[in-house]
Amino acid sequence: MIIKPTVGRVVLFTPSVNDPTRQLAPGPQAAIVCYVHGDRMVNLAVFDANGRTYPASSVTLVQEGDEKPDQGYYAEWMPYQKAVAKGEIPPTLHKS
């Protein structure tokens, strides 16, 4: 199932194995979609482990069933977003 990326959506970004930000905290980093090239490529504003942002351009957006690049530098949807898209979790609205 393809989830259409749109500007402002939050994704998880995995930097390349040689990226110095990976030294601060291994694993994915929070990122916001800034530009959509297509269903599988986006530009991101990425947040490092200290909350500083840096750009990541032309990032592969891994969709359901796609292979993740071995060396990193890709984005993916969060597990919650994938579950909502599949209908496993109903979307909720926060009511104050």
Protein backbone atom coordinates (compact mmCIF):
# COMPACT_ATOMS: atom_id res chain seq x y z
CA MET A 1 0.00 0.00 0.00
CA ILE A 2 1.33 3.42 -0.99
CA ILE A 3 0.87 6.31 1.41
CA LYS A 4 0.93 9.58 -0.53
CA PRO A 5 3.52 11.95 0.94
CA THR A 6 2.48 15.55 1.46
CA VAL A 7 4.31 18.62 2.72
CA GLY A 8 4.23 18.80 6.52
CA ARG A 9 3.96 15.06 7.18
CA VAL A 10 6.34 13.52 9.72
CA VAL A 11 8.49 10.55 8.69
CA LEU A 12 11.44 8.65 10.13
CA PHE A 13 14.78 9.31 8.43
CA THR A 14 17.72 6.91 8.57
CA PRO A 15 20.96 8.70 7.64
CA SER A 16 23.71 7.00 5.65
CA VAL A 17 26.21 4.90 7.59
CA ASN A 18 28.88 7.61 7.14
CA ASP A 19 26.68 10.51 8.30
CA PRO A 20 28.16 12.14 11.45
CA THR A 21 24.66 12.72 12.92
CA ARG A 22 24.40 8.95 13.22
CA GLN A 23 27.20 9.10 15.80
CA LEU A 24 24.99 11.16 18.16
CA ALA A 25 22.21 8.60 18.26
CA PRO A 26 21.91 5.44 16.20
CA GLY A 27 18.59 4.72 14.59
CA PRO A 28 16.02 6.82 12.79
CA GLN A 29 15.58 10.56 13.25
CA ALA A 30 12.37 12.59 13.09
CA ALA A 31 11.89 14.53 9.86
CA ILE A 32 9.28 16.72 8.19
CA VAL A 33 8.49 16.50 4.48
CA CYS A 34 9.37 19.84 2.85
CA TYR A 35 8.94 18.93 -0.81
CA VAL A 36 7.45 15.95 -2.66
CA HIS A 37 9.15 14.73 -5.84
CA GLY A 38 6.80 11.73 -6.05
CA ASP A 39 5.42 8.82 -4.03
CA ARG A 40 8.93 7.52 -3.35
CA MET A 41 11.13 10.63 -3.16
CA VAL A 42 10.99 13.65 -0.85
CA ASN A 43 13.07 16.51 0.56
CA LEU A 44 13.22 16.66 4.35
CA ALA A 45 14.03 18.87 7.30
CA VAL A 46 15.64 16.35 9.66
CA PHE A 47 16.02 16.74 13.43
CA ASP A 48 19.22 15.37 14.96
CA ALA A 49 19.48 13.97 18.50
CA ASN A 50 19.95 17.50 19.89
CA GLY A 51 16.94 18.95 18.08
CA ARG A 52 18.96 20.80 15.45
CA THR A 53 17.65 20.61 11.90
CA TYR A 54 19.51 19.87 8.73
CA PRO A 55 18.32 19.31 5.16
CA ALA A 56 18.17 16.01 3.31
CA SER A 57 17.34 16.26 -0.39
CA SER A 58 16.06 13.64 -2.82
CA VAL A 59 15.53 11.05 -0.09
CA THR A 60 14.02 7.71 -1.05
CA LEU A 61 10.71 7.23 0.78
CA VAL A 62 10.43 3.50 1.40
CA GLN A 63 6.86 2.34 0.94
CA GLU A 64 5.23 -0.93 2.06
CA GLY A 65 7.00 -3.85 0.38
CA ASP A 66 10.03 -1.81 -0.77
CA GLU A 67 13.58 -2.85 0.18
CA LYS A 68 15.39 -0.52 2.58
CA PRO A 69 18.82 0.63 1.35
CA ASP A 70 21.55 -1.24 3.27
CA GLN A 71 23.67 1.86 3.75
CA GLY A 72 20.90 4.15 4.98
CA TYR A 73 19.78 7.52 3.60
CA TYR A 74 16.09 6.78 3.34
CA ALA A 75 12.83 7.78 4.96
CA GLU A 76 9.90 5.64 5.99
CA TRP A 77 6.49 6.03 7.52
CA MET A 78 6.12 5.48 11.26
CA PRO A 79 4.48 2.19 12.33
CA TYR A 80 1.35 4.07 13.50
CA GLN A 81 0.96 5.76 10.09
CA LYS A 82 1.27 2.40 8.31
CA ALA A 83 -1.30 0.80 10.63
CA VAL A 84 -3.80 3.64 10.06
CA ALA A 85 -3.31 3.40 6.28
CA LYS A 86 -4.04 -0.34 6.43
CA GLY A 87 -7.16 0.27 8.51
CA GLU A 88 -5.75 -1.59 11.52
CA ILE A 89 -6.06 1.50 13.73
CA PRO A 90 -8.82 4.06 13.23
CA PRO A 91 -7.53 7.61 12.89
CA THR A 92 -8.31 9.65 15.98
CA LEU A 93 -8.94 13.31 16.58
CA HIS A 94 -7.79 14.99 19.75
CA LYS A 95 -10.68 16.71 21.50
CA SER A 96 -9.91 19.27 24.17
